[in-house]
Amino acid sequence: MIENNPKEKSRACAAIQDNEGFDWSEVLPINDNVDERFKTKAKWEALNKHNVFVAEIKEKSREEILKEKTPREINIAGYIIEKMQEEYEDAVSSKSWDKKREFYVNRDGEPVVHRRDIVHDDVLVAIPRSGQYHSNVAKDKTYVKRLDKIIRDVMTSSLRKRDEARMKKNVDEMVND
């Protein structure tokens, strides 16, 4: 469990029930993928008249997530990056430069970046597995739009890092003056 390996990021959950025949294993199986980043391990213990269900949820590392990606997800990441590159080239050719924020924007006013500024593995981590994607789309009609925003934010993270560095530099200059 958690105590055996303190380097693993994990959370624990415990549920206690009276022994009235309710089967928690139907709610949460012993080993279950909660989502792409988490995996549960559960065990049952009998204490007097109560059953105790303890579930440990281990957060997967970035490397574990990247190893599980299929060629399909890798191709999707490449396609999304190419799409961003096309938007960037369109913005450059139409001279859609935002002077205030100092970057190019697409027709919708969203920032776009060159493919050299996009970290492929970051985009790949943000893309869900096919089964997870389709089940979430079936559950939530706004999932696709939210996922697109998350992926776009991952691709434009270099702009945020640049802005943070500029702000830090400006604050340092103000403090030194």
C-alpha atoms as a PDB file:
ATOM      1  CA  MET A   1       0.000   0.000   0.000  1.00  0.00           C
ATOM      2  CA  ILE A   2       1.040   3.628   0.445  1.00  0.00           C
ATOM      3  CA  GLU A   3       3.508   2.973   3.250  1.00  0.00           C
ATOM      4  CA  ASN A   4       5.512   0.463   1.196  1.00  0.00           C
ATOM      5  CA  ASN A   5       6.564   2.964  -1.469  1.00  0.00           C
ATOM      6  CA  PRO A   6       6.471   6.600  -0.331  1.00  0.00           C
ATOM      7  CA  LYS A   7       7.668   7.848  -3.749  1.00  0.00           C
ATOM      8  CA  GLU A   8       4.406   6.797  -5.440  1.00  0.00           C
ATOM      9  CA  LYS A   9       1.717   9.430  -5.539  1.00  0.00           C
ATOM     10  CA  SER A  10      -1.480   7.896  -4.284  1.00  0.00           C
ATOM     11  CA  ARG A  11      -4.650   8.562  -2.383  1.00  0.00           C
ATOM     12  CA  ALA A  12      -6.640   6.190  -0.248  1.00  0.00           C
ATOM     13  CA  CYS A  13     -10.358   5.817   0.243  1.00  0.00           C
ATOM     14  CA  ALA A  14     -12.112   3.695   2.852  1.00  0.00           C
ATOM     15  CA  ALA A  15     -15.759   2.722   3.010  1.00  0.00           C
ATOM     16  CA  ILE A  16     -17.300   0.857   5.916  1.00  0.00           C
ATOM     17  CA  GLN A  17     -20.611  -0.922   5.565  1.00  0.00           C
ATOM     18  CA  ASP A  18     -22.807  -2.991   7.778  1.00  0.00           C
ATOM     19  CA  ASN A  19     -22.893  -6.617   6.803  1.00  0.00           C
ATOM     20  CA  GLU A  20     -26.327  -6.399   5.183  1.00  0.00           C
ATOM     21  CA  GLY A  21     -25.446  -8.052   1.920  1.00  0.00           C
ATOM     22  CA  PHE A  22     -24.531  -4.923  -0.090  1.00  0.00           C
ATOM     23  CA  ASP A  23     -21.751  -5.834  -2.489  1.00  0.00           C
ATOM     24  CA  TRP A  24     -19.324  -2.930  -2.970  1.00  0.00           C
ATOM     25  CA  SER A  25     -17.374  -4.907  -5.549  1.00  0.00           C
ATOM     26  CA  GLU A  26     -20.159  -4.144  -8.011  1.00  0.00           C
ATOM     27  CA  VAL A  27     -19.619  -0.423  -7.440  1.00  0.00           C
ATOM     28  CA  LEU A  28     -15.812  -0.483  -7.634  1.00  0.00           C
ATOM     29  CA  PRO A  29     -14.099  -3.685  -8.795  1.00  0.00           C
ATOM     30  CA  ILE A  30     -10.880  -4.819  -7.143  1.00  0.00           C
ATOM     31  CA  ASN A  31      -8.649  -3.503  -9.930  1.00  0.00           C
ATOM     32  CA  ASP A  32     -10.199  -0.762 -12.002  1.00  0.00           C
ATOM     33  CA  ASN A  33      -8.937   2.032 -14.232  1.00  0.00           C
ATOM     34  CA  VAL A  34     -10.534   5.183 -12.866  1.00  0.00           C
ATOM     35  CA  ASP A  35      -9.158   7.156 -15.792  1.00  0.00           C
ATOM     36  CA  GLU A  36      -5.941   7.282 -17.736  1.00  0.00           C
ATOM     37  CA  ARG A  37      -3.872   8.736 -14.920  1.00  0.00           C
ATOM     38  CA  PHE A  38      -5.156   6.657 -12.021  1.00  0.00           C
ATOM     39  CA  LYS A  39      -5.475   2.975 -11.194  1.00  0.00           C
ATOM     40  CA  THR A  40      -7.230   1.590  -8.148  1.00  0.00           C
ATOM     41  CA  LYS A  41      -6.176  -1.341  -6.038  1.00  0.00           C
ATOM     42  CA  ALA A  42      -8.669  -2.475  -3.492  1.00  0.00           C
ATOM     43  CA  LYS A  43      -8.850  -5.013  -0.707  1.00  0.00           C
ATOM     44  CA  TRP A  44     -11.597  -6.266   1.550  1.00  0.00           C
ATOM     45  CA  GLU A  45     -11.130  -6.828   5.262  1.00  0.00           C
ATOM     46  CA  ALA A  46     -13.642  -8.283   7.681  1.00  0.00           C
ATOM     47  CA  LEU A  47     -13.824  -6.548  11.056  1.00  0.00           C
ATOM     48  CA  ASN A  48     -16.345  -8.037  13.479  1.00  0.00           C
ATOM     49  CA  LYS A  49     -19.758  -7.411  11.896  1.00  0.00           C
ATOM     50  CA  HIS A  50     -18.541  -4.893   9.330  1.00  0.00           C
ATOM     51  CA  ASN A  51     -16.836  -5.220   5.978  1.00  0.00           C
ATOM     52  CA  VAL A  52     -14.189  -2.610   5.244  1.00  0.00           C
ATOM     53  CA  PHE A  53     -13.333  -1.708   1.684  1.00  0.00           C
ATOM     54  CA  VAL A  54     -10.034   0.135   1.209  1.00  0.00           C
ATOM     55  CA  ALA A  55      -9.152   1.486  -2.217  1.00  0.00           C
ATOM     56  CA  GLU A  56      -5.785   2.970  -3.059  1.00  0.00           C
ATOM     57  CA  ILE A  57      -5.709   5.210  -6.111  1.00  0.00           C
ATOM     58  CA  LYS A  58      -2.209   5.487  -7.578  1.00  0.00           C
ATOM     59  CA  GLU A  59      -1.433   8.381  -9.893  1.00  0.00           C
ATOM     60  CA  LYS A  60       0.475   7.282 -12.978  1.00  0.00           C
ATOM     61  CA  SER A  61       3.682   9.059 -13.889  1.00  0.00           C
ATOM     62  CA  ARG A  62       4.125  10.914 -17.151  1.00  0.00           C
ATOM     63  CA  GLU A  63       6.393   8.155 -18.451  1.00  0.00           C
ATOM     64  CA  GLU A  64       3.806   5.457 -17.678  1.00  0.00           C
ATOM     65  CA  ILE A  65       1.135   7.398 -19.546  1.00  0.00           C
ATOM     66  CA  LEU A  66       3.415   7.924 -22.566  1.00  0.00           C
ATOM     67  CA  LYS A  67       4.294   4.198 -22.695  1.00  0.00           C
ATOM     68  CA  GLU A  68       0.592   3.288 -22.879  1.00  0.00           C
ATOM     69  CA  LYS A  69      -0.112   5.534 -25.867  1.00  0.00           C
ATOM     70  CA  THR A  70      -0.946   3.727 -29.076  1.00  0.00           C
ATOM     71  CA  PRO A  71       0.142   4.699 -32.592  1.00  0.00           C
ATOM     72  CA  ARG A  72      -3.365   6.082 -33.073  1.00  0.00           C
ATOM     73  CA  GLU A  73      -2.933   8.631 -30.260  1.00  0.00           C
ATOM     74  CA  ILE A  74       0.564   9.488 -31.531  1.00  0.00           C
ATOM     75  CA  ASN A  75      -0.883  10.171 -34.997  1.00  0.00           C
ATOM     76  CA  ILE A  76      -3.673  12.283 -33.495  1.00  0.00           C
ATOM     77  CA  ALA A  77      -1.081  14.361 -31.618  1.00  0.00           C
ATOM     78  CA  GLY A  78       0.860  14.869 -34.857  1.00  0.00           C
ATOM     79  CA  TYR A  79      -2.319  15.874 -36.674  1.00  0.00           C
ATOM     80  CA  ILE A  80      -3.267  18.394 -33.960  1.00  0.00           C
ATOM     81  CA  ILE A  81       0.223  19.926 -34.065  1.00  0.00           C
ATOM     82  CA  GLU A  82       0.060  20.180 -37.873  1.00  0.00           C
ATOM     83  CA  LYS A  83      -3.349  21.844 -37.594  1.00  0.00           C
ATOM     84  CA  MET A  84      -1.863  24.412 -35.185  1.00  0.00           C
ATOM     85  CA  GLN A  85       1.016  24.962 -37.635  1.00  0.00           C
ATOM     86  CA  GLU A  86      -1.476  25.665 -40.445  1.00  0.00           C
ATOM     87  CA  GLU A  87      -3.318  28.157 -38.223  1.00  0.00           C
ATOM     88  CA  TYR A  88       0.036  29.775 -37.397  1.00  0.00           C
ATOM     89  CA  GLU A  89       0.973  30.073 -41.074  1.00  0.00           C
ATOM     90  CA  ASP A  90      -2.450  31.565 -41.863  1.00  0.00           C
ATOM     91  CA  ALA A  91      -2.021  34.083 -39.049  1.00  0.00           C
ATOM     92  CA  VAL A  92       1.461  35.044 -40.274  1.00  0.00           C
ATOM     93  CA  SER A  93       0.292  35.425 -43.872  1.00  0.00           C
ATOM     94  CA  SER A  94      -2.701  37.543 -42.811  1.00  0.00           C
ATOM     95  CA  LYS A  95      -0.481  39.487 -40.356  1.00  0.00           C
ATOM     96  CA  SER A  96      -2.758  38.775 -37.380  1.00  0.00           C
ATOM     97  CA  TRP A  97      -0.289  39.969 -34.761  1.00  0.00           C
ATOM     98  CA  ASP A  98      -1.630  40.922 -31.346  1.00  0.00           C
ATOM     99  CA  LYS A  99       0.579  43.863 -30.321  1.00  0.00           C
ATOM    100  CA  LYS A 100      -0.587  43.925 -26.722  1.00  0.00           C
ATOM    101  CA  ARG A 101       0.030  40.233 -26.023  1.00  0.00           C
ATOM    102  CA  GLU A 102       2.847  39.875 -28.597  1.00  0.00           C
ATOM    103  CA  PHE A 103       1.828  36.735 -30.488  1.00  0.00           C
ATOM    104  CA  TYR A 104      -0.099  35.690 -33.566  1.00  0.00           C
ATOM    105  CA  VAL A 105      -3.799  34.904 -33.280  1.00  0.00           C
ATOM    106  CA  ASN A 106      -6.105  32.825 -35.471  1.00  0.00           C
ATOM    107  CA  ARG A 107      -9.440  33.992 -36.896  1.00  0.00           C
ATOM    108  CA  ASP A 108     -11.160  33.283 -33.571  1.00  0.00           C
ATOM    109  CA  GLY A 109      -8.684  35.457 -31.663  1.00  0.00           C
ATOM    110  CA  GLU A 110      -6.973  32.482 -30.004  1.00  0.00           C
ATOM    111  CA  PRO A 111      -3.177  32.399 -29.778  1.00  0.00           C
ATOM    112  CA  VAL A 112      -1.274  30.203 -32.213  1.00  0.00           C
ATOM    113  CA  VAL A 113       2.353  29.100 -32.070  1.00  0.00           C
ATOM    114  CA  HIS A 114       4.912  27.601 -34.428  1.00  0.00           C
ATOM    115  CA  ARG A 115       5.356  23.834 -34.215  1.00  0.00           C
ATOM    116  CA  ARG A 116       8.901  24.245 -32.861  1.00  0.00           C
ATOM    117  CA  ASP A 117       7.399  25.809 -29.709  1.00  0.00           C
ATOM    118  CA  ILE A 118       5.062  22.846 -29.085  1.00  0.00           C
ATOM    119  CA  VAL A 119       6.245  19.928 -26.947  1.00  0.00           C
ATOM    120  CA  HIS A 120       4.946  16.772 -28.639  1.00  0.00           C
ATOM    121  CA  ASP A 121       4.922  14.668 -25.460  1.00  0.00           C
ATOM    122  CA  ASP A 122       2.883  17.294 -23.597  1.00  0.00           C
ATOM    123  CA  VAL A 123       0.232  17.151 -26.313  1.00  0.00           C
ATOM    124  CA  LEU A 124       0.357  13.347 -26.328  1.00  0.00           C
ATOM    125  CA  VAL A 125      -0.234  13.189 -22.560  1.00  0.00           C
ATOM    126  CA  ALA A 126      -3.272  15.475 -22.912  1.00  0.00           C
ATOM    127  CA  ILE A 127      -4.905  13.227 -25.535  1.00  0.00           C
ATOM    128  CA  PRO A 128      -7.143  10.571 -23.928  1.00  0.00           C
ATOM    129  CA  ARG A 129      -7.241   6.926 -24.945  1.00  0.00           C
ATOM    130  CA  SER A 130      -9.955   6.065 -27.497  1.00  0.00           C
ATOM    131  CA  GLY A 131     -12.244   4.244 -25.074  1.00  0.00           C
ATOM    132  CA  GLN A 132     -12.015   7.005 -22.496  1.00  0.00           C
ATOM    133  CA  TYR A 133     -12.681   9.645 -25.166  1.00  0.00           C
ATOM    134  CA  HIS A 134     -15.788   7.940 -26.546  1.00  0.00           C
ATOM    135  CA  SER A 135     -17.252   7.173 -23.110  1.00  0.00           C
ATOM    136  CA  ASN A 136     -16.751  10.793 -22.031  1.00  0.00           C
ATOM    137  CA  VAL A 137     -18.318  12.092 -25.254  1.00  0.00           C
ATOM    138  CA  ALA A 138     -21.335   9.874 -24.616  1.00  0.00           C
ATOM    139  CA  LYS A 139     -21.663  11.180 -21.035  1.00  0.00           C
ATOM    140  CA  ASP A 140     -20.979  14.865 -21.611  1.00  0.00           C
ATOM    141  CA  LYS A 141     -21.862  16.911 -24.678  1.00  0.00           C
ATOM    142  CA  THR A 142     -19.349  19.652 -23.813  1.00  0.00           C
ATOM    143  CA  TYR A 143     -16.421  17.216 -23.441  1.00  0.00           C
ATOM    144  CA  VAL A 144     -15.044  17.702 -26.968  1.00  0.00           C
ATOM    145  CA  LYS A 145     -14.984  21.487 -26.592  1.00  0.00           C
ATOM    146  CA  ARG A 146     -13.319  21.293 -23.163  1.00  0.00           C
ATOM    147  CA  LEU A 147     -10.760  18.774 -24.447  1.00  0.00           C
ATOM    148  CA  ASP A 148      -9.925  21.012 -27.415  1.00  0.00           C
ATOM    149  CA  LYS A 149      -9.354  23.905 -25.009  1.00  0.00           C
ATOM    150  CA  ILE A 150      -7.095  21.776 -22.799  1.00  0.00           C
ATOM    151  CA  ILE A 151      -5.021  20.637 -25.784  1.00  0.00           C
ATOM    152  CA  ARG A 152      -4.788  24.201 -27.122  1.00  0.00           C
ATOM    153  CA  ASP A 153      -3.626  25.394 -23.680  1.00  0.00           C
ATOM    154  CA  VAL A 154      -0.955  22.676 -23.637  1.00  0.00           C
ATOM    155  CA  MET A 155       0.278  23.718 -27.082  1.00  0.00           C
ATOM    156  CA  THR A 156       0.408  27.422 -26.196  1.00  0.00           C
ATOM    157  CA  SER A 157       2.065  26.862 -22.807  1.00  0.00           C
ATOM    158  CA  SER A 158       5.309  28.281 -24.239  1.00  0.00           C
ATOM    159  CA  LEU A 159       3.571  31.666 -24.508  1.00  0.00           C
ATOM    160  CA  ARG A 160       2.571  31.548 -20.842  1.00  0.00           C
ATOM    161  CA  LYS A 161       6.110  30.585 -19.818  1.00  0.00           C
ATOM    162  CA  ARG A 162       7.490  33.460 -21.885  1.00  0.00           C
ATOM    163  CA  ASP A 163       5.014  35.892 -20.305  1.00  0.00           C
ATOM    164  CA  GLU A 164       5.877  34.660 -16.812  1.00  0.00           C
ATOM    165  CA  ALA A 165       9.591  35.128 -17.524  1.00  0.00           C
ATOM    166  CA  ARG A 166       8.952  38.681 -18.772  1.00  0.00           C
ATOM    167  CA  MET A 167       6.854  39.525 -15.735  1.00  0.00           C
ATOM    168  CA  LYS A 168       9.521  38.157 -13.414  1.00  0.00           C
ATOM    169  CA  LYS A 169      12.176  40.188 -15.229  1.00  0.00           C
ATOM    170  CA  ASN A 170      10.032  43.350 -14.966  1.00  0.00           C
ATOM    171  CA  VAL A 171       9.446  42.793 -11.258  1.00  0.00           C
ATOM    172  CA  ASP A 172      13.169  42.244 -10.672  1.00  0.00           C
ATOM    173  CA  GLU A 173      13.936  45.480 -12.546  1.00  0.00           C
ATOM    174  CA  MET A 174      11.363  47.378 -10.497  1.00  0.00           C
ATOM    175  CA  VAL A 175      12.765  45.975  -7.234  1.00  0.00           C
ATOM    176  CA  ASN A 176      16.332  46.862  -8.231  1.00  0.00           C
ATOM    177  CA  ASP A 177      15.368  50.472  -9.106  1.00  0.00           C
END
